[in-house]
Every structure is written in C-alpha cells, then in structure tokens.
C-alpha cells in the first residue's frame, strides 16, 4: 500500500507541528476495523492508534483513491503470477444490514423492510473480484449489471470467436434487459433460466456454468466482518472497505500471503 499513499504536505508555518502517526500504524488500525467489524472507538482500547487519527487517515486515503488503487494492484499482481481467467466470469448480489442508513441503502425486502445495502460482485474464473457496485437492498440484481461491469478494476481483453467470455448468472438475472446488456459488452450469457434455456446453453457450450465461484467470493468477503453490517453513512466509505477487502482477496489468491 505504501507506494500508493498520497504525499504529505506539512502545512505548519514553521515546518514543525506534532509528530505524525506512522502510516503503517494507521493501516493496521483500518485493517483491524475491517477484519473484526469493531467500531472506530474500539481502537482506543488497542495500542494501534487513536480512533480519530485512524478515521482521519481513512478519509484521506478514500479521497485519494488509495483502496481502489490497492485493489487494482492486487488484481494485476494476480494476473502476473497466475493469470486472470476471462473465459468464465460470474456475477451475483448479496444483501447486508445498514442500521444507520445513508446513501446507497434501501428497505431490505427480506428483513422486514429495515435499511440494508446490496453489493453486486463480478469475479473472474478463479473467484478473484474484478468488479463491484453497491445500491439499496431493494434494488433488483438485474438493475446493477451494467454498473458492475463498468466498475471493472482492470482493462478487459476483447472477446473473440476462439476465446469467448461467458457470464454465469442465476435465474434472478433471467430478463431480456440483462441479455441485451451482456450482448452490448460482448459477453456470452449463461443464465439459469426459469425454463430450460440455461441447460441448453450449457450443453451448447460444452461446459457447466460456474455460478458457485462468485458465491464463494461473497463468502470470502463476509470474513471481513465490517462488510457484514454497514455502519458507514457515506457510500464511498463502505465502498472503500469493499475495495480494501477485494484487494486482500486478490493478493491472497496470488499466494503473496496466507
């Protein structure tokens, strides 16, 4: 992360001021919040750094796009070491609670109308996240297809007749609008239909659509407990935590740490 951090400018008129808390301690504190799901105030009971310092640094890095850049670096590193599988991509949505509400939240139809958030995740064939979008929990999965594809964090190679790019989706995406969007972006749709169409598509392709890949990736993200319940009122803050988690998944998949 260090090479991606913004350069600090000392605004003190004499070049002095209070010594700055090291970036490493702040990064550890932010990771602590992401991993444990604890509130920022819980940092005051640790030896990492004060909650105000960690939160200020978090906001600074969100504004500078650090977590998005880190995710991109992780995916590029995975591509370099193992290679992204563009032949079979998977997309699916997941809903979590958002007790404090805020932008990009809405009534959760599966939780008595309480505020919630939906994340739409796109993965490549190994399950590494390469795209993510958020909206209210009442937003249908099909409405997030375009936004999720447009959020691709790395450049996508053009599909060819020899190397088509399949998009595996469950029956919640079985709509003409979704098929039109996928065709617009050059994807081959593999959608579990409410009828028999998906089975026919899978037979024609000679492959079995792999929707379980993205479901497993959602499970990986849920290990970061800050994502299980959204406490951020600002959508960009919750999205930054998502980007941070996606980056860690990518680096871990590349085998750079356990």
Protein backbone atom coordinates (compact mmCIF):
# COMPACT_ATOMS: atom_id res chain seq x y z
CA UNK A 1 0.00 0.00 0.00
CA UNK A 2 2.82 2.40 0.83
CA UNK A 3 3.70 3.46 -2.76
CA UNK A 4 0.03 4.34 -3.33
CA UNK A 5 -0.29 6.72 -0.38
CA UNK A 6 -0.56 10.46 -1.05
CA UNK A 7 2.46 12.59 -0.26
CA UNK A 8 2.01 14.50 2.97
CA UNK A 9 2.45 18.26 2.84
CA UNK A 10 3.41 19.90 6.12
CA UNK A 11 1.17 22.95 6.42
CA UNK A 12 2.72 24.21 9.66
CA UNK A 13 4.09 27.69 9.03
CA UNK A 14 7.43 26.82 10.63
CA UNK A 15 7.59 23.28 9.24
CA UNK A 16 7.06 21.78 12.68
CA UNK A 17 3.95 20.62 14.46
CA UNK A 18 3.03 17.45 16.29
CA UNK A 19 4.78 14.29 15.00
CA UNK A 20 2.56 12.41 12.56
CA UNK A 21 1.41 8.91 13.47
CA UNK A 22 3.13 6.46 11.06
CA UNK A 23 1.05 5.33 8.10
CA UNK A 24 1.74 1.70 8.97
CA UNK A 25 0.01 2.01 12.34
CA UNK A 26 -2.97 3.69 10.73
CA UNK A 27 -3.16 1.00 8.03
CA UNK A 28 -3.08 -1.68 10.72
CA UNK A 29 -5.88 0.14 12.58
CA UNK A 30 -8.05 0.34 9.45
CA UNK A 31 -7.45 -3.34 8.77
CA UNK A 32 -8.39 -4.09 12.39
CA UNK A 33 -11.75 -2.35 11.89
CA UNK A 34 -12.33 -4.12 8.58
CA UNK A 35 -11.43 -7.57 9.87
CA UNK A 36 -13.11 -7.50 13.27
CA UNK A 37 -16.13 -5.35 12.46
CA UNK A 38 -15.45 -3.28 15.57
CA UNK A 39 -16.37 0.39 15.77
CA UNK A 40 -13.71 3.06 15.36
CA UNK A 41 -13.95 3.77 19.09
CA UNK A 42 -12.66 0.27 19.83
CA UNK A 43 -9.24 1.39 18.59
CA UNK A 44 -8.82 3.41 21.79
CA UNK A 45 -8.55 0.09 23.65
CA UNK A 46 -5.68 -1.08 21.43
CA UNK A 47 -2.07 0.04 21.04
CA UNK A 48 -2.52 0.82 17.32
CA UNK A 49 -3.62 4.46 17.26
CA UNK A 50 -6.46 6.72 18.38
CA UNK A 51 -9.81 6.37 16.65
CA UNK A 52 -9.77 9.96 15.41
CA UNK A 53 -6.34 9.53 13.85
CA UNK A 54 -7.28 6.28 12.10
CA UNK A 55 -10.59 7.66 10.83
CA UNK A 56 -8.98 10.88 9.58
CA UNK A 57 -6.33 8.91 7.73
CA UNK A 58 -9.01 6.57 6.34
CA UNK A 59 -10.96 9.53 4.95
CA UNK A 60 -7.79 11.00 3.49
CA UNK A 61 -6.97 7.76 1.72
CA UNK A 62 -10.53 7.30 0.48
CA UNK A 63 -10.38 10.76 -1.07
CA UNK A 64 -7.06 9.88 -2.72
CA UNK A 65 -8.41 6.59 -4.12
CA UNK A 66 -5.84 4.50 -2.25
CA UNK A 67 -8.05 1.46 -1.62
CA UNK A 68 -9.26 1.32 -5.22
CA UNK A 69 -5.66 1.56 -6.44
CA UNK A 70 -4.64 -1.19 -3.99
CA UNK A 71 -7.38 -3.45 -5.36
CA UNK A 72 -6.21 -2.78 -8.91
CA UNK A 73 -2.63 -3.57 -7.91
CA UNK A 74 -3.74 -6.84 -6.32
CA UNK A 75 -5.65 -7.96 -9.41
CA UNK A 76 -2.74 -7.01 -11.68
CA UNK A 77 -0.34 -8.93 -9.44
CA UNK A 78 -2.61 -11.99 -9.55
CA UNK A 79 -2.76 -11.70 -13.34
CA UNK A 80 1.03 -11.55 -13.50
CA UNK A 81 1.58 -14.60 -11.27
CA UNK A 82 -1.38 -16.85 -12.14
CA UNK A 83 -3.33 -15.22 -14.95
CA UNK A 84 -6.90 -13.93 -14.90
CA UNK A 85 -9.46 -16.32 -16.35
CA UNK A 86 -11.63 -14.24 -18.67
CA UNK A 87 -13.34 -17.28 -20.20
CA UNK A 88 -15.77 -17.77 -17.32
CA UNK A 89 -16.93 -14.80 -15.28
CA UNK A 90 -19.61 -14.87 -12.58
CA UNK A 91 -21.83 -12.18 -11.09
CA UNK A 92 -24.19 -12.21 -8.13
CA UNK A 93 -25.61 -9.91 -5.48
CA UNK A 94 -25.66 -10.12 -1.68
CA UNK A 95 -27.59 -8.07 0.88
CA UNK A 96 -26.41 -6.94 4.30
CA UNK A 97 -27.84 -4.72 7.03
CA UNK A 98 -27.30 -0.97 7.21
CA UNK A 99 -28.77 0.20 10.56
CA UNK A 100 -27.63 3.82 10.15
CA UNK A 101 -28.97 4.19 6.63
CA UNK A 102 -27.25 6.69 4.36
CA UNK A 103 -26.70 6.90 0.64
CA UNK A 104 -26.93 3.71 -1.40
CA UNK A 105 -29.17 2.00 1.15
CA UNK A 106 -32.83 0.97 1.00
CA UNK A 107 -35.51 -1.19 2.64
CA UNK A 108 -34.46 -4.83 2.68
CA UNK A 109 -37.36 -6.98 1.40
CA UNK A 110 -36.02 -10.00 3.29
CA UNK A 111 -35.55 -8.19 6.64
CA UNK A 112 -38.94 -6.61 7.35
CA UNK A 113 -38.10 -3.50 5.35
CA UNK A 114 -35.17 -2.46 7.53
CA UNK A 115 -32.40 -0.46 5.86
CA UNK A 116 -29.88 -2.56 4.01
CA UNK A 117 -27.30 -2.43 1.23
CA UNK A 118 -26.76 -4.67 -1.76
CA UNK A 119 -23.35 -5.39 -3.22
CA UNK A 120 -23.11 -6.73 -6.75
CA UNK A 121 -19.88 -8.65 -7.28
CA UNK A 122 -18.17 -9.71 -10.50
CA UNK A 123 -15.39 -12.31 -10.41
CA UNK A 124 -13.12 -13.92 -12.95
CA UNK A 125 -12.87 -17.70 -13.30
CA UNK A 126 -10.77 -18.25 -10.16
CA UNK A 127 -13.06 -16.15 -7.98
CA UNK A 128 -10.90 -13.03 -7.76
CA UNK A 129 -13.15 -9.93 -7.54
CA UNK A 130 -12.73 -7.67 -10.56
CA UNK A 131 -15.85 -5.50 -10.29
CA UNK A 132 -18.22 -4.36 -7.56
CA UNK A 133 -21.15 -1.96 -7.25
CA UNK A 134 -23.46 -1.07 -4.37
CA UNK A 135 -27.02 0.18 -4.05
CA UNK A 136 -30.02 -0.11 -1.77
CA UNK A 137 -31.11 -3.57 -0.67
CA UNK A 138 -34.39 -3.08 -2.53
CA UNK A 139 -32.56 -2.70 -5.82
CA UNK A 140 -33.00 -5.78 -8.03
CA UNK A 141 -29.84 -7.62 -9.06
CA UNK A 142 -30.61 -7.12 -12.74
CA UNK A 143 -30.51 -3.33 -12.31
CA UNK A 144 -26.88 -3.47 -11.18
CA UNK A 145 -25.49 -5.49 -14.10
CA UNK A 146 -24.31 -2.51 -16.14
CA UNK A 147 -22.83 -0.66 -13.15
CA UNK A 148 -20.97 -3.80 -12.03
CA UNK A 149 -19.45 -4.41 -15.46
CA UNK A 150 -18.48 -0.76 -15.78
CA UNK A 151 -16.68 -0.97 -12.42
CA UNK A 152 -14.05 -3.36 -13.79
CA UNK A 153 -10.84 -2.51 -12.00
CA UNK A 154 -8.51 -3.68 -14.78
CA UNK A 155 -8.61 -3.46 -18.55
CA UNK A 156 -10.60 -6.28 -20.09
CA UNK A 157 -9.32 -8.07 -23.21
CA UNK A 158 -11.66 -8.12 -26.18
CA UNK A 159 -13.57 -11.41 -26.61
CA UNK A 160 -13.04 -13.35 -29.82
CA UNK A 161 -14.72 -16.30 -31.53
CA UNK A 162 -11.85 -18.50 -30.35
CA UNK A 163 -11.88 -17.02 -26.84
CA UNK A 164 -15.46 -16.06 -25.90
CA UNK A 165 -16.17 -14.64 -22.45
CA UNK A 166 -19.02 -16.40 -20.66
CA UNK A 167 -21.01 -14.66 -17.93
CA UNK A 168 -22.58 -17.07 -15.43
CA UNK A 169 -25.72 -15.79 -13.68
CA UNK A 170 -28.54 -17.32 -11.66
CA UNK A 171 -32.24 -17.18 -12.50
CA UNK A 172 -32.60 -13.78 -10.85
CA UNK A 173 -30.98 -12.36 -13.98
CA UNK A 174 -33.25 -14.13 -16.46
CA UNK A 175 -34.51 -11.00 -18.20
CA UNK A 176 -34.24 -9.72 -21.75
CA UNK A 177 -32.73 -6.48 -20.41
CA UNK A 178 -29.84 -8.37 -18.84
CA UNK A 179 -29.18 -10.36 -22.01
CA UNK A 180 -29.15 -7.13 -24.00
CA UNK A 181 -26.60 -5.54 -21.66
CA UNK A 182 -24.36 -8.63 -21.79
CA UNK A 183 -24.55 -8.69 -25.58
CA UNK A 184 -23.66 -4.99 -25.66
CA UNK A 185 -20.47 -5.71 -23.72
CA UNK A 186 -19.66 -8.82 -25.77
CA UNK A 187 -20.37 -11.46 -23.12
CA UNK A 188 -21.89 -14.88 -23.80
CA UNK A 189 -24.80 -15.24 -21.39
CA UNK A 190 -25.05 -18.41 -19.30
CA UNK A 191 -28.14 -17.75 -17.21
CA UNK A 192 -30.01 -20.29 -15.14
CA UNK A 193 -33.40 -19.80 -16.71
CA UNK A 194 -36.76 -20.29 -15.12
CA UNK A 195 -37.29 -22.68 -18.03
CA UNK A 196 -34.88 -24.91 -19.90
CA UNK A 197 -32.89 -22.31 -21.81
CA UNK A 198 -29.88 -22.27 -19.50
CA UNK A 199 -29.48 -26.04 -19.70
CA UNK A 200 -29.46 -25.81 -23.48
CA UNK A 201 -26.87 -23.03 -23.39
CA UNK A 202 -24.60 -25.07 -21.14
CA UNK A 203 -24.89 -28.08 -23.43
CA UNK A 204 -24.07 -25.99 -26.48
CA UNK A 205 -21.01 -24.52 -24.79
CA UNK A 206 -19.85 -27.94 -23.63
CA UNK A 207 -19.27 -26.52 -20.17
CA UNK A 208 -21.13 -26.24 -16.90
CA UNK A 209 -21.84 -22.67 -15.83
CA UNK A 210 -19.92 -21.91 -12.63
CA UNK A 211 -22.04 -19.60 -10.51
CA UNK A 212 -20.58 -21.07 -7.31
CA UNK A 213 -17.35 -19.15 -7.89
CA UNK A 214 -18.89 -15.77 -7.12
CA UNK A 215 -20.89 -17.24 -4.22
CA UNK A 216 -17.63 -18.42 -2.68
CA UNK A 217 -16.14 -14.96 -3.19
CA UNK A 218 -19.07 -13.41 -1.33
CA UNK A 219 -18.26 -15.82 1.50
CA UNK A 220 -14.63 -14.66 1.45
CA UNK A 221 -15.74 -11.04 1.73
CA UNK A 222 -18.04 -11.88 4.63
CA UNK A 223 -14.97 -12.97 6.60
CA UNK A 224 -14.25 -9.24 6.83
CA UNK A 225 -16.87 -8.53 9.45
CA UNK A 226 -17.11 -4.80 8.74
CA UNK A 227 -18.84 -5.77 5.49
CA UNK A 228 -21.47 -7.91 7.25
CA UNK A 229 -23.15 -4.84 8.72
CA UNK A 230 -22.71 -1.46 7.06
CA UNK A 231 -22.10 1.24 9.68
CA UNK A 232 -20.91 3.86 7.19
CA UNK A 233 -23.46 6.52 6.26
CA UNK A 234 -21.31 7.60 3.33
CA UNK A 235 -21.49 5.21 0.41
CA UNK A 236 -17.90 5.91 -0.63
CA UNK A 237 -16.64 4.83 2.79
CA UNK A 238 -18.42 1.47 2.63
CA UNK A 239 -17.21 1.04 -0.95
CA UNK A 240 -13.65 1.77 0.19
CA UNK A 241 -13.86 -1.03 2.76
CA UNK A 242 -15.13 -3.29 -0.04
CA UNK A 243 -12.18 -2.29 -2.24
CA UNK A 244 -9.77 -2.98 0.64
CA UNK A 245 -11.26 -6.45 1.17
CA UNK A 246 -11.21 -7.22 -2.57
CA UNK A 247 -7.55 -6.20 -2.68
CA UNK A 248 -6.69 -8.55 0.18
CA UNK A 249 -8.55 -11.41 -1.52
CA UNK A 250 -6.62 -10.77 -4.75
CA UNK A 251 -3.22 -10.66 -3.06
CA UNK A 252 -4.05 -13.77 -1.04
CA UNK A 253 -5.19 -15.62 -4.17
CA UNK A 254 -1.89 -14.69 -5.78
CA UNK A 255 -0.15 -16.51 -2.92
CA UNK A 256 1.64 -13.43 -1.59
CA UNK A 257 0.47 -14.04 1.97
CA UNK A 258 -1.60 -16.58 3.86
